[in-house]
Amino acid sequence: MDNKIEGYPIYQWSKFTEDRLEQFVVRSNDFYDFIAALDNIKGLIAGNISIPDNQAIPEPLQLPTNPPEEPETQIIPECPIHHVLMKERRNKSGQTWWDHRFKDDQDQWHICNGKKERVQS
């Protein structure tokens, strides 16, 4: 079983500073690169390694993001027989269909799918 989530690193480690204003993070998909980067960060935290003043600190890696999906605008069909809007229905197994329901003068419910109408039992 593959536990890797697409777009995210396999190995990750992080540590906050004591005042919790900064966070050190190491991420990598390669184990040996991860260990090397982790040793560098632990050395920085311990004060054993310093970054020269003329060396720029690299920008944090941005994980890929999926563009936001446009919400689908669903067109609600109109019953060609009764000229009212239909309602989408769904059963337990996930099947969907469109119909509308109404009461007649005798207080009896009817179901219409736009093609045929029946009395609700």
PDB file of N, CA and C in Angstrom:
ATOM      1  N   MET A   1       0.849  -1.197   0.000  1.00  0.00           N
ATOM      2  CA  MET A   1       0.000   0.000   0.000  1.00  0.00           C
ATOM      3  C   MET A   1       0.881   1.242   0.000  1.00  0.00           C
ATOM      4  N   ASP A   2       0.604   2.174  -0.881  1.00  0.00           N
ATOM      5  CA  ASP A   2       1.385   3.398  -1.017  1.00  0.00           C
ATOM      6  C   ASP A   2       0.747   4.479  -0.144  1.00  0.00           C
ATOM      7  N   ASN A   3       1.468   4.929   0.878  1.00  0.00           N
ATOM      8  CA  ASN A   3       0.926   5.933   1.798  1.00  0.00           C
ATOM      9  C   ASN A   3       1.248   7.352   1.366  1.00  0.00           C
ATOM     10  N   LYS A   4       1.936   7.521   0.229  1.00  0.00           N
ATOM     11  CA  LYS A   4       2.329   8.851  -0.225  1.00  0.00           C
ATOM     12  C   LYS A   4       1.116   9.601  -0.766  1.00  0.00           C
ATOM     13  N   ILE A   5       0.944  10.827  -0.305  1.00  0.00           N
ATOM     14  CA  ILE A   5      -0.110  11.697  -0.815  1.00  0.00           C
ATOM     15  C   ILE A   5       0.489  12.507  -1.952  1.00  0.00           C
ATOM     16  N   GLU A   6      -0.172  12.503  -3.090  1.00  0.00           N
ATOM     17  CA  GLU A   6       0.333  13.188  -4.273  1.00  0.00           C
ATOM     18  C   GLU A   6       0.581  14.670  -3.986  1.00  0.00           C
ATOM     19  N   GLY A   7       1.781  15.151  -4.338  1.00  0.00           N
ATOM     20  CA  GLY A   7       2.102  16.559  -4.173  1.00  0.00           C
ATOM     21  C   GLY A   7       2.705  16.913  -2.820  1.00  0.00           C
ATOM     22  N   TYR A   8       2.827  15.946  -1.918  1.00  0.00           N
ATOM     23  CA  TYR A   8       3.379  16.220  -0.593  1.00  0.00           C
ATOM     24  C   TYR A   8       4.616  15.363  -0.370  1.00  0.00           C
ATOM     25  N   PRO A   9       5.594  15.879   0.389  1.00  0.00           N
ATOM     26  CA  PRO A   9       6.819  15.109   0.615  1.00  0.00           C
ATOM     27  C   PRO A   9       6.570  13.897   1.524  1.00  0.00           C
ATOM     28  N   ILE A  10       7.429  12.892   1.356  1.00  0.00           N
ATOM     29  CA  ILE A  10       7.329  11.687   2.178  1.00  0.00           C
ATOM     30  C   ILE A  10       7.861  11.960   3.582  1.00  0.00           C
ATOM     31  N   TYR A  11       8.999  12.651   3.676  1.00  0.00           N
ATOM     32  CA  TYR A  11       9.647  12.901   4.961  1.00  0.00           C
ATOM     33  C   TYR A  11       9.467  14.367   5.354  1.00  0.00           C
ATOM     34  N   GLN A  12       9.126  14.589   6.619  1.00  0.00           N
ATOM     35  CA  GLN A  12       8.921  15.954   7.087  1.00  0.00           C
ATOM     36  C   GLN A  12       9.263  16.037   8.566  1.00  0.00           C
ATOM     37  N   TRP A  13       9.882  17.160   8.959  1.00  0.00           N
ATOM     38  CA  TRP A  13      10.234  17.419  10.353  1.00  0.00           C
ATOM     39  C   TRP A  13      10.076  18.914  10.580  1.00  0.00           C
ATOM     40  N   SER A  14       9.588  19.309  11.768  1.00  0.00           N
ATOM     41  CA  SER A  14       9.500  20.737  12.065  1.00  0.00           C
ATOM     42  C   SER A  14       9.706  20.971  13.548  1.00  0.00           C
ATOM     43  N   LYS A  15      10.160  22.179  13.869  1.00  0.00           N
ATOM     44  CA  LYS A  15      10.385  22.562  15.264  1.00  0.00           C
ATOM     45  C   LYS A  15      10.173  24.068  15.384  1.00  0.00           C
ATOM     46  N   PHE A  16       9.405  24.475  16.395  1.00  0.00           N
ATOM     47  CA  PHE A  16       9.209  25.888  16.684  1.00  0.00           C
ATOM     48  C   PHE A  16      10.311  26.385  17.600  1.00  0.00           C
ATOM     49  N   THR A  17      10.609  27.689  17.502  1.00  0.00           N
ATOM     50  CA  THR A  17      11.494  28.303  18.480  1.00  0.00           C
ATOM     51  C   THR A  17      10.725  28.395  19.792  1.00  0.00           C
ATOM     52  N   GLU A  18      11.449  28.640  20.884  1.00  0.00           N
ATOM     53  CA  GLU A  18      10.787  28.650  22.193  1.00  0.00           C
ATOM     54  C   GLU A  18       9.699  29.711  22.289  1.00  0.00           C
ATOM     55  N   ASP A  19       9.884  30.862  21.628  1.00  0.00           N
ATOM     56  CA  ASP A  19       8.853  31.902  21.663  1.00  0.00           C
ATOM     57  C   ASP A  19       7.745  31.655  20.638  1.00  0.00           C
ATOM     58  N   ARG A  20       7.880  30.599  19.847  1.00  0.00           N
ATOM     59  CA  ARG A  20       6.904  30.161  18.841  1.00  0.00           C
ATOM     60  C   ARG A  20       6.661  31.211  17.751  1.00  0.00           C
ATOM     61  N   LEU A  21       7.649  32.100  17.560  1.00  0.00           N
ATOM     62  CA  LEU A  21       7.527  33.102  16.507  1.00  0.00           C
ATOM     63  C   LEU A  21       8.123  32.615  15.193  1.00  0.00           C
ATOM     64  N   GLU A  22       8.962  31.583  15.260  1.00  0.00           N
ATOM     65  CA  GLU A  22       9.576  31.031  14.055  1.00  0.00           C
ATOM     66  C   GLU A  22       9.438  29.513  14.080  1.00  0.00           C
ATOM     67  N   GLN A  23       9.488  28.946  12.887  1.00  0.00           N
ATOM     68  CA  GLN A  23       9.405  27.497  12.775  1.00  0.00           C
ATOM     69  C   GLN A  23      10.425  27.029  11.745  1.00  0.00           C
ATOM     70  N   PHE A  24      11.176  25.995  12.089  1.00  0.00           N
ATOM     71  CA  PHE A  24      12.104  25.366  11.171  1.00  0.00           C
ATOM     72  C   PHE A  24      11.414  24.135  10.602  1.00  0.00           C
ATOM     73  N   VAL A  25      11.455  23.988   9.272  1.00  0.00           N
ATOM     74  CA  VAL A  25      10.784  22.868   8.607  1.00  0.00           C
ATOM     75  C   VAL A  25      11.730  22.257   7.588  1.00  0.00           C
ATOM     76  N   VAL A  26      11.774  20.929   7.582  1.00  0.00           N
ATOM     77  CA  VAL A  26      12.549  20.191   6.587  1.00  0.00           C
ATOM     78  C   VAL A  26      11.600  19.208   5.931  1.00  0.00           C
ATOM     79  N   ARG A  27      11.585  19.233   4.581  1.00  0.00           N
ATOM     80  CA  ARG A  27      10.737  18.309   3.816  1.00  0.00           C
ATOM     81  C   ARG A  27      11.538  17.765   2.652  1.00  0.00           C
ATOM     82  N   SER A  28      11.331  16.483   2.358  1.00  0.00           N
ATOM     83  CA  SER A  28      11.992  15.894   1.196  1.00  0.00           C
ATOM     84  C   SER A  28      11.340  14.566   0.844  1.00  0.00           C
ATOM     85  N   ASN A  29      11.439  14.204  -0.428  1.00  0.00           N
ATOM     86  CA  ASN A  29      10.995  12.883  -0.861  1.00  0.00           C
ATOM     87  C   ASN A  29      12.144  11.883  -0.838  1.00  0.00           C
ATOM     88  N   ASP A  30      13.388  12.375  -0.752  1.00  0.00           N
ATOM     89  CA  ASP A  30      14.559  11.509  -0.711  1.00  0.00           C
ATOM     90  C   ASP A  30      15.083  11.431   0.719  1.00  0.00           C
ATOM     91  N   PHE A  31      15.234  10.235   1.252  1.00  0.00           N
ATOM     92  CA  PHE A  31      15.620  10.047   2.647  1.00  0.00           C
ATOM     93  C   PHE A  31      16.982  10.670   2.953  1.00  0.00           C
ATOM     94  N   TYR A  32      17.978  10.458   2.076  1.00  0.00           N
ATOM     95  CA  TYR A  32      19.326  10.952   2.345  1.00  0.00           C
ATOM     96  C   TYR A  32      19.394  12.479   2.262  1.00  0.00           C
ATOM     97  N   ASP A  33      18.662  13.085   1.331  1.00  0.00           N
ATOM     98  CA  ASP A  33      18.575  14.548   1.275  1.00  0.00           C
ATOM     99  C   ASP A  33      17.891  15.082   2.531  1.00  0.00           C
ATOM    100  N   PHE A  34      16.876  14.372   2.987  1.00  0.00           N
ATOM    101  CA  PHE A  34      16.151  14.782   4.195  1.00  0.00           C
ATOM    102  C   PHE A  34      17.079  14.778   5.409  1.00  0.00           C
ATOM    103  N   ILE A  35      17.869  13.701   5.584  1.00  0.00           N
ATOM    104  CA  ILE A  35      18.792  13.600   6.725  1.00  0.00           C
ATOM    105  C   ILE A  35      19.850  14.697   6.656  1.00  0.00           C
ATOM    106  N   ALA A  36      20.382  14.973   5.450  1.00  0.00           N
ATOM    107  CA  ALA A  36      21.395  16.023   5.308  1.00  0.00           C
ATOM    108  C   ALA A  36      20.818  17.389   5.664  1.00  0.00           C
ATOM    109  N   ALA A  37      19.622  17.685   5.179  1.00  0.00           N
ATOM    110  CA  ALA A  37      18.984  18.969   5.479  1.00  0.00           C
ATOM    111  C   ALA A  37      18.638  19.061   6.960  1.00  0.00           C
ATOM    112  N   LEU A  38      18.195  17.961   7.538  1.00  0.00           N
ATOM    113  CA  LEU A  38      17.866  17.940   8.972  1.00  0.00           C
ATOM    114  C   LEU A  38      19.106  18.220   9.812  1.00  0.00           C
ATOM    115  N   ASP A  39      20.244  17.617   9.451  1.00  0.00           N
ATOM    116  CA  ASP A  39      21.497  17.885  10.176  1.00  0.00           C
ATOM    117  C   ASP A  39      21.888  19.359  10.070  1.00  0.00           C
ATOM    118  N   ASN A  40      21.710  19.965   8.874  1.00  0.00           N
ATOM    119  CA  ASN A  40      22.032  21.385   8.705  1.00  0.00           C
ATOM    120  C   ASN A  40      21.159  22.260   9.600  1.00  0.00           C
ATOM    121  N   ILE A  41      19.863  21.995   9.624  1.00  0.00           N
ATOM    122  CA  ILE A  41      18.950  22.807  10.442  1.00  0.00           C
ATOM    123  C   ILE A  41      19.247  22.623  11.921  1.00  0.00           C
ATOM    124  N   LYS A  42      19.492  21.391  12.348  1.00  0.00           N
ATOM    125  CA  LYS A  42      19.823  21.157  13.765  1.00  0.00           C
ATOM    126  C   LYS A  42      21.122  21.869  14.132  1.00  0.00           C
ATOM    127  N   GLY A  43      22.072  21.929  13.183  1.00  0.00           N
ATOM    128  CA  GLY A  43      23.312  22.670  13.414  1.00  0.00           C
ATOM    129  C   GLY A  43      23.055  24.164  13.540  1.00  0.00           C
ATOM    130  N   LEU A  44      22.149  24.697  12.698  1.00  0.00           N
ATOM    131  CA  LEU A  44      21.783  26.109  12.797  1.00  0.00           C
ATOM    132  C   LEU A  44      21.143  26.409  14.146  1.00  0.00           C
ATOM    133  N   ILE A  45      20.250  25.538  14.580  1.00  0.00           N
ATOM    134  CA  ILE A  45      19.558  25.746  15.857  1.00  0.00           C
ATOM    135  C   ILE A  45      20.552  25.698  17.011  1.00  0.00           C
ATOM    136  N   ALA A  46      21.495  24.758  16.955  1.00  0.00           N
ATOM    137  CA  ALA A  46      22.482  24.605  18.033  1.00  0.00           C
ATOM    138  C   ALA A  46      23.548  25.703  17.987  1.00  0.00           C
ATOM    139  N   GLY A  47      23.612  26.438  16.876  1.00  0.00           N
ATOM    140  CA  GLY A  47      24.605  27.500  16.753  1.00  0.00           C
ATOM    141  C   GLY A  47      25.926  27.007  16.214  1.00  0.00           C
ATOM    142  N   ASN A  48      26.022  25.758  15.790  1.00  0.00           N
ATOM    143  CA  ASN A  48      27.270  25.209  15.254  1.00  0.00           C
ATOM    144  C   ASN A  48      27.514  25.630  13.806  1.00  0.00           C
ATOM    145  N   ILE A  49      26.470  25.968  13.080  1.00  0.00           N
ATOM    146  CA  ILE A  49      26.576  26.377  11.684  1.00  0.00           C
ATOM    147  C   ILE A  49      25.934  27.750  11.560  1.00  0.00           C
ATOM    148  N   SER A  50      26.549  28.614  10.800  1.00  0.00           N
ATOM    149  CA  SER A  50      25.929  29.917  10.564  1.00  0.00           C
ATOM    150  C   SER A  50      25.881  30.177   9.071  1.00  0.00           C
ATOM    151  N   ILE A  51      24.921  30.962   8.665  1.00  0.00           N
ATOM    152  CA  ILE A  51      24.776  31.334   7.259  1.00  0.00           C
ATOM    153  C   ILE A  51      25.558  32.624   7.060  1.00  0.00           C
ATOM    154  N   PRO A  52      26.485  32.652   6.084  1.00  0.00           N
ATOM    155  CA  PRO A  52      27.232  33.891   5.829  1.00  0.00           C
ATOM    156  C   PRO A  52      26.280  35.033   5.466  1.00  0.00           C
ATOM    157  N   ASP A  53      26.692  36.260   5.843  1.00  0.00           N
ATOM    158  CA  ASP A  53      25.840  37.419   5.597  1.00  0.00           C
ATOM    159  C   ASP A  53      25.536  37.634   4.120  1.00  0.00           C
ATOM    160  N   ASN A  54      26.471  37.268   3.237  1.00  0.00           N
ATOM    161  CA  ASN A  54      26.256  37.502   1.812  1.00  0.00           C
ATOM    162  C   ASN A  54      25.451  36.384   1.143  1.00  0.00           C
ATOM    163  N   GLN A  55      25.129  35.333   1.880  1.00  0.00           N
ATOM    164  CA  GLN A  55      24.355  34.226   1.300  1.00  0.00           C
ATOM    165  C   GLN A  55      22.876  34.427   1.608  1.00  0.00           C
ATOM    166  N   ALA A  56      22.091  34.437   0.573  1.00  0.00           N
ATOM    167  CA  ALA A  56      20.652  34.635   0.746  1.00  0.00           C
ATOM    168  C   ALA A  56      20.013  33.340   1.262  1.00  0.00           C
ATOM    169  N   ILE A  57      19.070  33.523   2.134  1.00  0.00           N
ATOM    170  CA  ILE A  57      18.309  32.378   2.617  1.00  0.00           C
ATOM    171  C   ILE A  57      17.275  32.048   1.548  1.00  0.00           C
ATOM    172  N   PRO A  58      17.230  30.782   1.111  1.00  0.00           N
ATOM    173  CA  PRO A  58      16.287  30.451   0.042  1.00  0.00           C
ATOM    174  C   PRO A  58      14.841  30.620   0.483  1.00  0.00           C
ATOM    175  N   GLU A  59      14.008  30.973  -0.487  1.00  0.00           N
ATOM    176  CA  GLU A  59      12.579  31.109  -0.211  1.00  0.00           C
ATOM    177  C   GLU A  59      11.997  29.732   0.094  1.00  0.00           C
ATOM    178  N   PRO A  60      10.978  29.677   0.948  1.00  0.00           N
ATOM    179  CA  PRO A  60      10.368  28.389   1.260  1.00  0.00           C
ATOM    180  C   PRO A  60       9.742  27.768   0.013  1.00  0.00           C
ATOM    181  N   LEU A  61       9.804  26.465  -0.038  1.00  0.00           N
ATOM    182  CA  LEU A  61       9.225  25.722  -1.148  1.00  0.00           C
ATOM    183  C   LEU A  61       7.708  25.822  -1.092  1.00  0.00           C
ATOM    184  N   GLN A  62       7.127  26.186  -2.213  1.00  0.00           N
ATOM    185  CA  GLN A  62       5.672  26.268  -2.293  1.00  0.00           C
ATOM    186  C   GLN A  62       5.142  24.963  -2.857  1.00  0.00           C
ATOM    187  N   LEU A  63       4.261  24.316  -2.111  1.00  0.00           N
ATOM    188  CA  LEU A  63       3.648  23.089  -2.592  1.00  0.00           C
ATOM    189  C   LEU A  63       2.669  23.429  -3.699  1.00  0.00           C
ATOM    190  N   PRO A  64       2.534  22.547  -4.679  1.00  0.00           N
ATOM    191  CA  PRO A  64       1.596  22.837  -5.769  1.00  0.00           C
ATOM    192  C   PRO A  64       0.167  22.892  -5.251  1.00  0.00           C
ATOM    193  N   THR A  65      -0.564  23.848  -5.754  1.00  0.00           N
ATOM    194  CA  THR A  65      -1.968  23.962  -5.364  1.00  0.00           C
ATOM    195  C   THR A  65      -2.820  23.789  -6.593  1.00  0.00           C
ATOM    196  N   ASN A  66      -3.927  23.149  -6.409  1.00  0.00           N
ATOM    197  CA  ASN A  66      -4.862  22.983  -7.509  1.00  0.00           C
ATOM    198  C   ASN A  66      -5.675  24.259  -7.638  1.00  0.00           C
ATOM    199  N   PRO A  67      -5.915  24.715  -8.866  1.00  0.00           N
ATOM    200  CA  PRO A  67      -6.735  25.922  -9.015  1.00  0.00           C
ATOM    201  C   PRO A  67      -8.140  25.657  -8.478  1.00  0.00           C
ATOM    202  N   PRO A  68      -8.750  26.668  -7.876  1.00  0.00           N
ATOM    203  CA  PRO A  68     -10.090  26.442  -7.339  1.00  0.00           C
ATOM    204  C   PRO A  68     -11.044  26.054  -8.451  1.00  0.00           C
ATOM    205  N   GLU A  69     -11.856  25.067  -8.156  1.00  0.00           N
ATOM    206  CA  GLU A  69     -12.803  24.596  -9.163  1.00  0.00           C
ATOM    207  C   GLU A  69     -13.985  25.545  -9.237  1.00  0.00           C
ATOM    208  N   GLU A  70     -14.397  25.788 -10.467  1.00  0.00           N
ATOM    209  CA  GLU A  70     -15.577  26.614 -10.679  1.00  0.00           C
ATOM    210  C   GLU A  70     -16.803  25.805 -10.245  1.00  0.00           C
ATOM    211  N   PRO A  71     -17.655  26.389  -9.437  1.00  0.00           N
ATOM    212  CA  PRO A  71     -18.853  25.638  -9.067  1.00  0.00           C
ATOM    213  C   PRO A  71     -19.719  25.427 -10.310  1.00  0.00           C
ATOM    214  N   GLU A  72     -20.187  24.197 -10.443  1.00  0.00           N
ATOM    215  CA  GLU A  72     -21.009  23.890 -11.606  1.00  0.00           C
ATOM    216  C   GLU A  72     -22.373  24.544 -11.450  1.00  0.00           C
ATOM    217  N   THR A  73     -22.770  25.253 -12.473  1.00  0.00           N
ATOM    218  CA  THR A  73     -24.108  25.824 -12.459  1.00  0.00           C
ATOM    219  C   THR A  73     -25.008  24.815 -13.143  1.00  0.00           C
ATOM    220  N   GLN A  74     -25.858  24.223 -12.359  1.00  0.00           N
ATOM    221  CA  GLN A  74     -26.724  23.182 -12.871  1.00  0.00           C
ATOM    222  C   GLN A  74     -28.023  23.796 -13.371  1.00  0.00           C
ATOM    223  N   ILE A  75     -28.381  23.437 -14.580  1.00  0.00           N
ATOM    224  CA  ILE A  75     -29.625  23.936 -15.146  1.00  0.00           C
ATOM    225  C   ILE A  75     -30.751  23.045 -14.658  1.00  0.00           C
ATOM    226  N   ILE A  76     -31.712  23.647 -13.999  1.00  0.00           N
ATOM    227  CA  ILE A  76     -32.844  22.896 -13.478  1.00  0.00           C
ATOM    228  C   ILE A  76     -33.877  22.781 -14.585  1.00  0.00           C
ATOM    229  N   PRO A  77     -34.195  21.537 -14.964  1.00  0.00           N
ATOM    230  CA  PRO A  77     -35.155  21.385 -16.067  1.00  0.00           C
ATOM    231  C   PRO A  77     -36.577  21.751 -15.652  1.00  0.00           C
ATOM    232  N   GLU A  78     -37.336  22.123 -16.643  1.00  0.00           N
ATOM    233  CA  GLU A  78     -38.742  22.451 -16.427  1.00  0.00           C
ATOM    234  C   GLU A  78     -39.593  21.319 -16.993  1.00  0.00           C
ATOM    235  N   CYS A  79     -40.648  20.954 -16.277  1.00  0.00           N
ATOM    236  CA  CYS A  79     -41.550  19.907 -16.736  1.00  0.00           C
ATOM    237  C   CYS A  79     -42.276  20.394 -17.997  1.00  0.00           C
ATOM    238  N   PRO A  80     -42.152  19.652 -19.102  1.00  0.00           N
ATOM    239  CA  PRO A  80     -42.826  20.079 -20.327  1.00  0.00           C
ATOM    240  C   PRO A  80     -44.346  19.923 -20.262  1.00  0.00           C
ATOM    241  N   ILE A  81     -44.830  19.115 -19.312  1.00  0.00           N
ATOM    242  CA  ILE A  81     -46.276  18.907 -19.191  1.00  0.00           C
ATOM    243  C   ILE A  81     -46.917  19.999 -18.343  1.00  0.00           C
ATOM    244  N   HIS A  82     -46.319  20.269 -17.159  1.00  0.00           N
ATOM    245  CA  HIS A  82     -46.931  21.186 -16.193  1.00  0.00           C
ATOM    246  C   HIS A  82     -46.246  22.551 -16.127  1.00  0.00           C
ATOM    247  N   HIS A  83     -45.113  22.693 -16.790  1.00  0.00           N
ATOM    248  CA  HIS A  83     -44.364  23.962 -16.840  1.00  0.00           C
ATOM    249  C   HIS A  83     -43.980  24.469 -15.448  1.00  0.00           C
ATOM    250  N   VAL A  84     -43.479  23.553 -14.615  1.00  0.00           N
ATOM    251  CA  VAL A  84     -42.926  23.893 -13.300  1.00  0.00           C
ATOM    252  C   VAL A  84     -41.512  23.318 -13.233  1.00  0.00           C
ATOM    253  N   LEU A  85     -40.694  23.863 -12.323  1.00  0.00           N
ATOM    254  CA  LEU A  85     -39.320  23.370 -12.183  1.00  0.00           C
ATOM    255  C   LEU A  85     -39.315  21.983 -11.556  1.00  0.00           C
ATOM    256  N   MET A  86     -38.423  21.144 -12.051  1.00  0.00           N
ATOM    257  CA  MET A  86     -38.269  19.791 -11.537  1.00  0.00           C
ATOM    258  C   MET A  86     -37.279  19.816 -10.370  1.00  0.00           C
ATOM    259  N   LYS A  87     -37.279  18.758  -9.567  1.00  0.00           N
ATOM    260  CA  LYS A  87     -36.357  18.621  -8.450  1.00  0.00           C
ATOM    261  C   LYS A  87     -35.525  17.364  -8.669  1.00  0.00           C
ATOM    262  N   GLU A  88     -34.207  17.461  -8.405  1.00  0.00           N
ATOM    263  CA  GLU A  88     -33.343  16.293  -8.556  1.00  0.00           C
ATOM    264  C   GLU A  88     -33.494  15.406  -7.329  1.00  0.00           C
ATOM    265  N   ARG A  89     -33.715  14.140  -7.552  1.00  0.00           N
ATOM    266  CA  ARG A  89     -33.864  13.162  -6.472  1.00  0.00           C
ATOM    267  C   ARG A  89     -32.697  12.185  -6.532  1.00  0.00           C
ATOM    268  N   ARG A  90     -32.414  11.550  -5.395  1.00  0.00           N
ATOM    269  CA  ARG A  90     -31.305  10.597  -5.315  1.00  0.00           C
ATOM    270  C   ARG A  90     -31.716   9.450  -4.396  1.00  0.00           C
ATOM    271  N   ASN A  91     -31.456   8.218  -4.843  1.00  0.00           N
ATOM    272  CA  ASN A  91     -31.783   7.070  -3.984  1.00  0.00           C
ATOM    273  C   ASN A  91     -30.554   6.648  -3.179  1.00  0.00           C
ATOM    274  N   LYS A  92     -30.694   5.603  -2.376  1.00  0.00           N
ATOM    275  CA  LYS A  92     -29.616   5.165  -1.485  1.00  0.00           C
ATOM    276  C   LYS A  92     -28.363   4.742  -2.235  1.00  0.00           C
ATOM    277  N   SER A  93     -28.529   4.206  -3.435  1.00  0.00           N
ATOM    278  CA  SER A  93     -27.365   3.736  -4.197  1.00  0.00           C
ATOM    279  C   SER A  93     -26.727   4.840  -5.039  1.00  0.00           C
ATOM    280  N   GLY A  94     -27.254   6.057  -4.962  1.00  0.00           N
ATOM    281  CA  GLY A  94     -26.648   7.191  -5.648  1.00  0.00           C
ATOM    282  C   GLY A  94     -27.245   7.520  -7.002  1.00  0.00           C
ATOM    283  N   GLN A  95     -28.221   6.739  -7.467  1.00  0.00           N
ATOM    284  CA  GLN A  95     -28.862   7.039  -8.747  1.00  0.00           C
ATOM    285  C   GLN A  95     -29.682   8.320  -8.608  1.00  0.00           C
ATOM    286  N   THR A  96     -29.683   9.131  -9.663  1.00  0.00           N
ATOM    287  CA  THR A  96     -30.422  10.394  -9.628  1.00  0.00           C
ATOM    288  C   THR A  96     -31.452  10.444 -10.756  1.00  0.00           C
ATOM    289  N   TRP A  97     -32.484  11.233 -10.531  1.00  0.00           N
ATOM    290  CA  TRP A  97     -33.504  11.493 -11.543  1.00  0.00           C
ATOM    291  C   TRP A  97     -34.186  12.801 -11.204  1.00  0.00           C
ATOM    292  N   TRP A  98     -34.932  13.322 -12.144  1.00  0.00           N
ATOM    293  CA  TRP A  98     -35.650  14.578 -11.963  1.00  0.00           C
ATOM    294  C   TRP A  98     -37.151  14.300 -11.950  1.00  0.00           C
ATOM    295  N   ASP A  99     -37.867  14.961 -11.038  1.00  0.00           N
ATOM    296  CA  ASP A  99     -39.330  14.891 -11.035  1.00  0.00           C
ATOM    297  C   ASP A  99     -39.883  16.079 -10.260  1.00  0.00           C
ATOM    298  N   HIS A 100     -41.168  16.181 -10.238  1.00  0.00           N
ATOM    299  CA  HIS A 100     -41.824  17.154  -9.367  1.00  0.00           C
ATOM    300  C   HIS A 100     -43.088  16.501  -8.847  1.00  0.00           C
ATOM    301  N   ARG A 101     -43.564  16.985  -7.725  1.00  0.00           N
ATOM    302  CA  ARG A 101     -44.731  16.402  -7.068  1.00  0.00           C
ATOM    303  C   ARG A 101     -45.745  17.501  -6.789  1.00  0.00           C
ATOM    304  N   PHE A 102     -47.001  17.129  -6.840  1.00  0.00           N
ATOM    305  CA  PHE A 102     -48.055  18.120  -6.594  1.00  0.00           C
ATOM    306  C   PHE A 102     -49.311  17.410  -6.105  1.00  0.00           C
ATOM    307  N   LYS A 103     -50.182  18.183  -5.453  1.00  0.00           N
ATOM    308  CA  LYS A 103     -51.473  17.685  -4.964  1.00  0.00           C
ATOM    309  C   LYS A 103     -52.567  18.131  -5.910  1.00  0.00           C
ATOM    310  N   ASP A 104     -53.542  17.247  -6.125  1.00  0.00           N
ATOM    311  CA  ASP A 104     -54.689  17.625  -6.951  1.00  0.00           C
ATOM    312  C   ASP A 104     -55.831  18.141  -6.062  1.00  0.00           C
ATOM    313  N   ASP A 105     -56.977  18.397  -6.660  1.00  0.00           N
ATOM    314  CA  ASP A 105     -58.116  18.938  -5.918  1.00  0.00           C
ATOM    315  C   ASP A 105     -58.653  17.975  -4.855  1.00  0.00           C
ATOM    316  N   GLN A 106     -58.420  16.679  -5.035  1.00  0.00           N
ATOM    317  CA  GLN A 106     -58.889  15.683  -4.071  1.00  0.00           C
ATOM    318  C   GLN A 106     -57.828  15.385  -3.006  1.00  0.00           C
ATOM    319  N   ASP A 107     -56.832  16.239  -2.876  1.00  0.00           N
ATOM    320  CA  ASP A 107     -55.757  16.085  -1.890  1.00  0.00           C
ATOM    321  C   ASP A 107     -54.924  14.820  -2.114  1.00  0.00           C
ATOM    322  N   GLN A 108     -54.779  14.428  -3.347  1.00  0.00           N
ATOM    323  CA  GLN A 108     -54.010  13.243  -3.689  1.00  0.00           C
ATOM    324  C   GLN A 108     -52.704  13.681  -4.352  1.00  0.00           C
ATOM    325  N   TRP A 109     -51.581  13.094  -3.917  1.00  0.00           N
ATOM    326  CA  TRP A 109     -50.264  13.464  -4.445  1.00  0.00           C
ATOM    327  C   TRP A 109     -50.007  12.771  -5.770  1.00  0.00           C
ATOM    328  N   HIS A 110     -49.383  13.510  -6.697  1.00  0.00           N
ATOM    329  CA  HIS A 110     -48.983  12.996  -8.005  1.00  0.00           C
ATOM    330  C   HIS A 110     -47.485  13.219  -8.178  1.00  0.00           C
ATOM    331  N   ILE A 111     -46.855  12.297  -8.888  1.00  0.00           N
ATOM    332  CA  ILE A 111     -45.434  12.404  -9.227  1.00  0.00           C
ATOM    333  C   ILE A 111     -45.332  12.438 -10.743  1.00  0.00           C
ATOM    334  N   CYS A 112     -44.572  13.413 -11.249  1.00  0.00           N
ATOM    335  CA  CYS A 112     -44.413  13.551 -12.692  1.00  0.00           C
ATOM    336  C   CYS A 112     -42.923  13.657 -13.002  1.00  0.00           C
ATOM    337  N   ASN A 113     -42.451  12.871 -13.978  1.00  0.00           N
ATOM    338  CA  ASN A 113     -41.040  12.930 -14.377  1.00  0.00           C
ATOM    339  C   ASN A 113     -40.846  13.706 -15.684  1.00  0.00           C
ATOM    340  N   GLY A 114     -41.883  14.386 -16.133  1.00  0.00           N
ATOM    341  CA  GLY A 114     -41.801  15.157 -17.358  1.00  0.00           C
ATOM    342  C   GLY A 114     -42.253  14.385 -18.577  1.00  0.00           C
ATOM    343  N   LYS A 115     -42.380  13.055 -18.424  1.00  0.00           N
ATOM    344  CA  LYS A 115     -42.847  12.219 -19.533  1.00  0.00           C
ATOM    345  C   LYS A 115     -44.197  11.603 -19.203  1.00  0.00           C
ATOM    346  N   LYS A 116     -44.319  11.146 -17.960  1.00  0.00           N
ATOM    347  CA  LYS A 116     -45.598  10.585 -17.531  1.00  0.00           C
ATOM    348  C   LYS A 116     -45.839  10.911 -16.075  1.00  0.00           C
ATOM    349  N   GLU A 117     -47.078  10.900 -15.712  1.00  0.00           N
ATOM    350  CA  GLU A 117     -47.510  11.272 -14.363  1.00  0.00           C
ATOM    351  C   GLU A 117     -48.170  10.055 -13.730  1.00  0.00           C
ATOM    352  N   ARG A 118     -47.952   9.882 -12.414  1.00  0.00           N
ATOM    353  CA  ARG A 118     -48.613   8.788 -11.714  1.00  0.00           C
ATOM    354  C   ARG A 118     -49.052   9.267 -10.336  1.00  0.00           C
ATOM    355  N   VAL A 119     -50.008   8.564  -9.770  1.00  0.00           N
ATOM    356  CA  VAL A 119     -50.495   8.872  -8.424  1.00  0.00           C
ATOM    357  C   VAL A 119     -49.541   8.209  -7.445  1.00  0.00           C
ATOM    358  N   GLN A 120     -49.124   8.985  -6.434  1.00  0.00           N
ATOM    359  CA  GLN A 120     -48.209   8.436  -5.429  1.00  0.00           C
ATOM    360  C   GLN A 120     -48.967   7.454  -4.549  1.00  0.00           C
ATOM    361  N   SER A 121     -48.380   6.287  -4.368  1.00  0.00           N
ATOM    362  CA  SER A 121     -49.056   5.275  -3.544  1.00  0.00           C
ATOM    363  C   SER A 121     -48.609   5.340  -2.105  1.00  0.00           C
TER     364      SER A 121
END
